[in-house]
C-alpha atoms as a PDB file:
ATOM      1  CA  MET A   1      30.625 -64.114 111.186  1.00  0.00           C
ATOM      2  CA  ARG A   2      34.097 -62.671 111.506  1.00  0.00           C
ATOM      3  CA  ASN A   3      37.187 -64.768 111.206  1.00  0.00           C
ATOM      4  CA  PRO A   4      39.065 -64.808 114.598  1.00  0.00           C
ATOM      5  CA  ASN A   5      42.409 -65.095 112.812  1.00  0.00           C
ATOM      6  CA  ILE A   6      41.839 -61.748 111.105  1.00  0.00           C
ATOM      7  CA  HIS A   7      41.066 -60.142 114.472  1.00  0.00           C
ATOM      8  CA  LEU A   8      44.264 -61.577 115.959  1.00  0.00           C
ATOM      9  CA  SER A   9      46.249 -60.365 112.950  1.00  0.00           C
ATOM     10  CA  LEU A  10      44.840 -56.850 113.254  1.00  0.00           C
ATOM     11  CA  SER A  11      45.601 -56.681 116.973  1.00  0.00           C
ATOM     12  CA  PHE A  12      49.085 -58.034 116.301  1.00  0.00           C
ATOM     13  CA  VAL A  13      49.678 -55.336 113.651  1.00  0.00           C
ATOM     14  CA  ALA A  14      48.291 -52.643 115.963  1.00  0.00           C
ATOM     15  CA  GLU A  15      50.592 -53.796 118.770  1.00  0.00           C
ATOM     16  CA  LYS A  16      53.624 -53.799 116.457  1.00  0.00           C
ATOM     17  CA  LYS A  17      52.705 -50.336 115.197  1.00  0.00           C
ATOM     18  CA  LEU A  18      52.458 -49.025 118.765  1.00  0.00           C
ATOM     19  CA  ARG A  19      55.836 -50.540 119.649  1.00  0.00           C
ATOM     20  CA  LEU A  20      57.389 -48.982 116.543  1.00  0.00           C
ATOM     21  CA  GLN A  21      55.957 -45.567 117.444  1.00  0.00           C
ATOM     22  CA  GLN A  22      57.291 -45.874 121.006  1.00  0.00           C
ATOM     23  CA  PHE A  23      60.690 -46.932 119.654  1.00  0.00           C
ATOM     24  CA  CYS A  24      60.781 -43.969 117.271  1.00  0.00           C
ATOM     25  CA  ARG A  25      59.900 -41.541 120.063  1.00  0.00           C
ATOM     26  CA  GLN A  26      62.462 -43.115 122.367  1.00  0.00           C
ATOM     27  CA  SER A  27      65.030 -43.227 119.572  1.00  0.00           C
ATOM     28  CA  TRP A  28      64.573 -39.536 118.762  1.00  0.00           C
ATOM     29  CA  LEU A  29      64.916 -38.686 122.438  1.00  0.00           C
ATOM     30  CA  HIS A  30      68.169 -40.650 122.552  1.00  0.00           C
ATOM     31  CA  VAL A  31      69.413 -38.927 119.398  1.00  0.00           C
ATOM     32  CA  LEU A  32      68.627 -35.490 120.852  1.00  0.00           C
ATOM     33  CA  MET A  33      70.329 -36.291 124.153  1.00  0.00           C
ATOM     34  CA  GLN A  34      73.374 -37.698 122.373  1.00  0.00           C
ATOM     35  CA  CYS A  35      73.574 -34.688 120.076  1.00  0.00           C
ATOM     36  CA  ALA A  36      73.447 -32.532 123.206  1.00  0.00           C
ATOM     37  CA  ILE A  37      76.457 -34.427 124.622  1.00  0.00           C
ATOM     38  CA  ILE A  38      78.368 -33.903 121.364  1.00  0.00           C
ATOM     39  CA  ALA A  39      77.404 -30.214 121.338  1.00  0.00           C
ATOM     40  CA  ALA A  40      78.498 -29.834 124.967  1.00  0.00           C
ATOM     41  CA  VAL A  41      81.936 -31.248 124.162  1.00  0.00           C
ATOM     42  CA  TRP A  42      82.218 -28.915 121.174  1.00  0.00           C
ATOM     43  CA  TYR A  43      81.099 -25.971 123.332  1.00  0.00           C
ATOM     44  CA  CYS A  44      83.727 -26.822 125.957  1.00  0.00           C
ATOM     45  CA  ALA A  45      86.323 -26.923 123.181  1.00  0.00           C
ATOM     46  CA  ALA A  46      85.150 -23.499 121.950  1.00  0.00           C
ATOM     47  CA  ILE A  47      85.503 -22.082 125.457  1.00  0.00           C
ATOM     48  CA  LEU A  48      89.008 -23.582 125.765  1.00  0.00           C
ATOM     49  CA  VAL A  49      90.092 -22.146 122.403  1.00  0.00           C
ATOM     50  CA  GLU A  50      88.757 -18.712 123.301  1.00  0.00           C
ATOM     51  CA  SER A  51      90.074 -18.573 126.856  1.00  0.00           C
ATOM     52  CA  LEU A  52      93.523 -20.044 126.118  1.00  0.00           C
ATOM     53  CA  HIS A  53      93.879 -18.243 122.751  1.00  0.00           C
ATOM     54  CA  LEU A  54      94.792 -21.485 121.015  1.00  0.00           C
ATOM     55  CA  PRO A  55      95.681 -21.298 117.311  1.00  0.00           C
ATOM     56  CA  VAL A  56      93.349 -24.175 116.413  1.00  0.00           C
ATOM     57  CA  SER A  57      89.641 -24.286 115.615  1.00  0.00           C
ATOM     58  CA  SER A  58      87.195 -25.421 118.252  1.00  0.00           C
ATOM     59  CA  GLY A  59      86.001 -28.200 115.940  1.00  0.00           C
ATOM     60  CA  VAL A  60      89.470 -29.755 115.756  1.00  0.00           C
ATOM     61  CA  LEU A  61      90.011 -29.409 119.499  1.00  0.00           C
ATOM     62  CA  GLY A  62      86.513 -30.815 120.064  1.00  0.00           C
ATOM     63  CA  VAL A  63      87.343 -33.928 118.047  1.00  0.00           C
ATOM     64  CA  PHE A  64      90.475 -34.531 120.111  1.00  0.00           C
ATOM     65  CA  LEU A  65      88.622 -33.760 123.334  1.00  0.00           C
ATOM     66  CA  MET A  66      85.894 -36.256 122.385  1.00  0.00           C
ATOM     67  CA  LEU A  67      88.562 -38.830 121.509  1.00  0.00           C
ATOM     68  CA  ILE A  68      90.213 -38.371 124.908  1.00  0.00           C
ATOM     69  CA  LEU A  69      86.863 -38.632 126.697  1.00  0.00           C
ATOM     70  CA  LEU A  70      85.949 -41.786 124.769  1.00  0.00           C
ATOM     71  CA  MET A  71      89.336 -43.445 125.297  1.00  0.00           C
ATOM     72  CA  SER A  72      89.377 -42.611 129.010  1.00  0.00           C
ATOM     73  CA  GLY A  73      85.868 -43.997 129.472  1.00  0.00           C
ATOM     74  CA  ALA A  74      84.456 -40.706 130.756  1.00  0.00           C
ATOM     75  CA  ILE A  75      81.989 -40.906 127.879  1.00  0.00           C
ATOM     76  CA  LYS A  76      80.817 -44.309 126.678  1.00  0.00           C
ATOM     77  CA  VAL A  77      80.522 -44.926 122.937  1.00  0.00           C
ATOM     78  CA  ASN A  78      76.876 -45.944 123.372  1.00  0.00           C
ATOM     79  CA  TRP A  79      76.166 -42.508 124.823  1.00  0.00           C
ATOM     80  CA  VAL A  80      76.997 -40.771 121.518  1.00  0.00           C
ATOM     81  CA  ARG A  81      76.691 -43.447 118.791  1.00  0.00           C
ATOM     82  CA  LEU A  82      73.150 -42.591 117.609  1.00  0.00           C
ATOM     83  CA  GLY A  83      73.779 -38.852 117.808  1.00  0.00           C
ATOM     84  CA  ALA A  84      76.999 -39.120 115.813  1.00  0.00           C
ATOM     85  CA  LYS A  85      75.294 -41.249 113.157  1.00  0.00           C
ATOM     86  CA  PHE A  86      72.485 -38.711 112.923  1.00  0.00           C
ATOM     87  CA  VAL A  87      74.848 -35.741 112.613  1.00  0.00           C
ATOM     88  CA  LEU A  88      76.946 -37.488 109.986  1.00  0.00           C
ATOM     89  CA  GLY A  89      73.824 -38.544 108.108  1.00  0.00           C
ATOM     90  CA  GLU A  90      72.552 -34.975 107.983  1.00  0.00           C
ATOM     91  CA  LEU A  91      75.938 -33.439 107.164  1.00  0.00           C
ATOM     92  CA  VAL A  92      74.726 -32.364 103.726  1.00  0.00           C
ATOM     93  CA  LEU A  93      72.457 -29.812 105.418  1.00  0.00           C
ATOM     94  CA  MET A  94      75.564 -28.083 106.768  1.00  0.00           C
ATOM     95  CA  PHE A  95      76.616 -27.171 103.213  1.00  0.00           C
ATOM     96  CA  ILE A  96      73.452 -25.220 102.380  1.00  0.00           C
ATOM     97  CA  PRO A  97      74.753 -21.981 103.997  1.00  0.00           C
ATOM     98  CA  LEU A  98      78.005 -22.437 102.051  1.00  0.00           C
ATOM     99  CA  MET A  99      76.134 -22.669  98.757  1.00  0.00           C
ATOM    100  CA  MET A 100      74.042 -19.615  99.646  1.00  0.00           C
ATOM    101  CA  SER A 101      77.185 -17.584 100.321  1.00  0.00           C
ATOM    102  CA  ILE A 102      78.653 -18.710  96.975  1.00  0.00           C
ATOM    103  CA  LEU A 103      75.533 -17.359  95.275  1.00  0.00           C
ATOM    104  CA  GLN A 104      75.802 -14.139  97.266  1.00  0.00           C
ATOM    105  CA  TYR A 105      79.430 -13.514  96.175  1.00  0.00           C
ATOM    106  CA  LYS A 106      79.005 -14.500  92.524  1.00  0.00           C
ATOM    107  CA  ALA A 107      81.618 -11.988  91.268  1.00  0.00           C
ATOM    108  CA  LEU A 108      84.273 -13.387  93.610  1.00  0.00           C
ATOM    109  CA  PHE A 109      83.411 -16.922  92.553  1.00  0.00           C
ATOM    110  CA  ILE A 110      83.675 -15.994  88.879  1.00  0.00           C
ATOM    111  CA  SER A 111      87.069 -14.296  89.273  1.00  0.00           C
ATOM    112  CA  LYS A 112      88.658 -16.731  91.770  1.00  0.00           C
ATOM    113  CA  GLY A 113      86.420 -19.746  91.234  1.00  0.00           C
ATOM    114  CA  TRP A 114      89.084 -22.145  89.985  1.00  0.00           C
ATOM    115  CA  GLN A 115      91.232 -21.423  93.066  1.00  0.00           C
ATOM    116  CA  LEU A 116      88.268 -21.934  95.371  1.00  0.00           C
ATOM    117  CA  MET A 117      87.273 -25.177  93.630  1.00  0.00           C
ATOM    118  CA  LEU A 118      90.860 -26.458  93.754  1.00  0.00           C
ATOM    119  CA  THR A 119      91.012 -25.673  97.464  1.00  0.00           C
ATOM    120  CA  ILE A 120      87.676 -27.376  98.111  1.00  0.00           C
ATOM    121  CA  ILE A 121      88.627 -30.470  96.107  1.00  0.00           C
ATOM    122  CA  LEU A 122      92.074 -30.803  97.721  1.00  0.00           C
ATOM    123  CA  SER A 123      90.807 -30.221 101.252  1.00  0.00           C
ATOM    124  CA  THR A 124      87.968 -32.710 100.737  1.00  0.00           C
ATOM    125  CA  ALA A 125      90.426 -35.290  99.409  1.00  0.00           C
ATOM    126  CA  MET A 126      92.719 -34.701 102.397  1.00  0.00           C
ATOM    127  CA  VAL A 127      89.852 -35.156 104.844  1.00  0.00           C
ATOM    128  CA  MET A 128      88.686 -38.316 103.091  1.00  0.00           C
ATOM    129  CA  LEU A 129      92.200 -39.791 102.986  1.00  0.00           C
ATOM    130  CA  SER A 130      92.970 -38.942 106.608  1.00  0.00           C
ATOM    131  CA  SER A 131      89.618 -40.427 107.668  1.00  0.00           C
ATOM    132  CA  ALA A 132      90.317 -43.591 105.685  1.00  0.00           C
ATOM    133  CA  PHE A 133      93.825 -43.967 107.112  1.00  0.00           C
ATOM    134  CA  THR A 134      92.514 -43.348 110.631  1.00  0.00           C
ATOM    135  CA  PHE A 135      89.817 -45.982 110.132  1.00  0.00           C
ATOM    136  CA  ILE A 136      92.385 -48.480 108.817  1.00  0.00           C
ATOM    137  CA  MET A 137      94.749 -47.857 111.729  1.00  0.00           C
ATOM    138  CA  VAL A 138      91.991 -48.123 114.351  1.00  0.00           C
ATOM    139  CA  HIS A 139      90.608 -51.262 112.691  1.00  0.00           C
ATOM    140  CA  ARG A 140      94.061 -52.878 112.726  1.00  0.00           C
ATOM    141  CA  LEU A 141      94.506 -51.906 116.370  1.00  0.00           C
ATOM    142  CA  GLN A 142      91.113 -53.381 117.258  1.00  0.00           C
ATOM    143  CA  ARG A 143      91.950 -56.628 115.429  1.00  0.00           C
ATOM    144  CA  ARG A 144      95.303 -56.836 117.187  1.00  0.00           C
ATOM    145  CA  LEU A 145      93.685 -56.240 120.583  1.00  0.00           C
ATOM    146  CA  HIS A 146      90.989 -58.820 119.828  1.00  0.00           C
ATOM    147  CA  ARG A 147      93.584 -61.430 118.796  1.00  0.00           C
ATOM    148  CA  HIS A 148      95.572 -60.640 121.938  1.00  0.00           C
ATOM    149  CA  GLN A 149      92.480 -61.146 124.112  1.00  0.00           C
ATOM    150  CA  ILE A 150      91.666 -64.441 122.383  1.00  0.00           C
ATOM    151  CA  HIS A 151      95.257 -65.642 122.762  1.00  0.00           C
ATOM    152  CA  LYS A 152      95.242 -64.633 126.434  1.00  0.00           C
ATOM    153  CA  ALA A 153      91.940 -66.459 127.013  1.00  0.00           C
ATOM    154  CA  GLN A 154      93.294 -69.584 125.289  1.00  0.00           C
ATOM    155  CA  LEU A 155      96.403 -69.507 127.494  1.00  0.00           C
ATOM    156  CA  ASN A 156      94.241 -69.144 130.594  1.00  0.00           C
ATOM    157  CA  LEU A 157      92.115 -72.121 129.521  1.00  0.00           C
ATOM    158  CA  LYS A 158      95.211 -74.179 128.828  1.00  0.00           C
ATOM    159  CA  ASN A 159      96.768 -73.239 132.182  1.00  0.00           C
ATOM    160  CA  ASN A 160      93.525 -73.963 134.030  1.00  0.00           C
ATOM    161  CA  GLY A 161      93.215 -77.332 132.258  1.00  0.00           C
ATOM    162  CA  ASN A 162      96.773 -78.357 133.250  1.00  0.00           C
ATOM    163  CA  ALA A 163      96.345 -77.360 136.886  1.00  0.00           C
END
């Protein structure tokens, strides 16, 4: 005779597995849609750079365009959060073509390699530092806004209690 608890456990595990599979499918769909939104913003930036002959790369303009869209509320953070995390998580894959081109131009890398490495190291450090400073500034701004909202709510409670 079979134990009914084992049957319940197996059905519970099967149900959880099905929910996890549905979540993964839904999650991947969200990631793809959010990556499409990010790509659309970048594509719009590329069109702007090309049509207006701007002396800036489409990636840089795309970052500022995305920032403007996020700050204005035209695009909600939840609409691109998963896609941005995915793209940043898979950023290493973007460097594979770079490494292949280094192997292709081995003579150039041997003759000017120290200059290229110095440029790569300095530019990477600059990106990391500017990202860190931007994070710190935005975090401070968010804390200040949060404290302001709490203070405002406390004043409203105090005023409502006195009235």
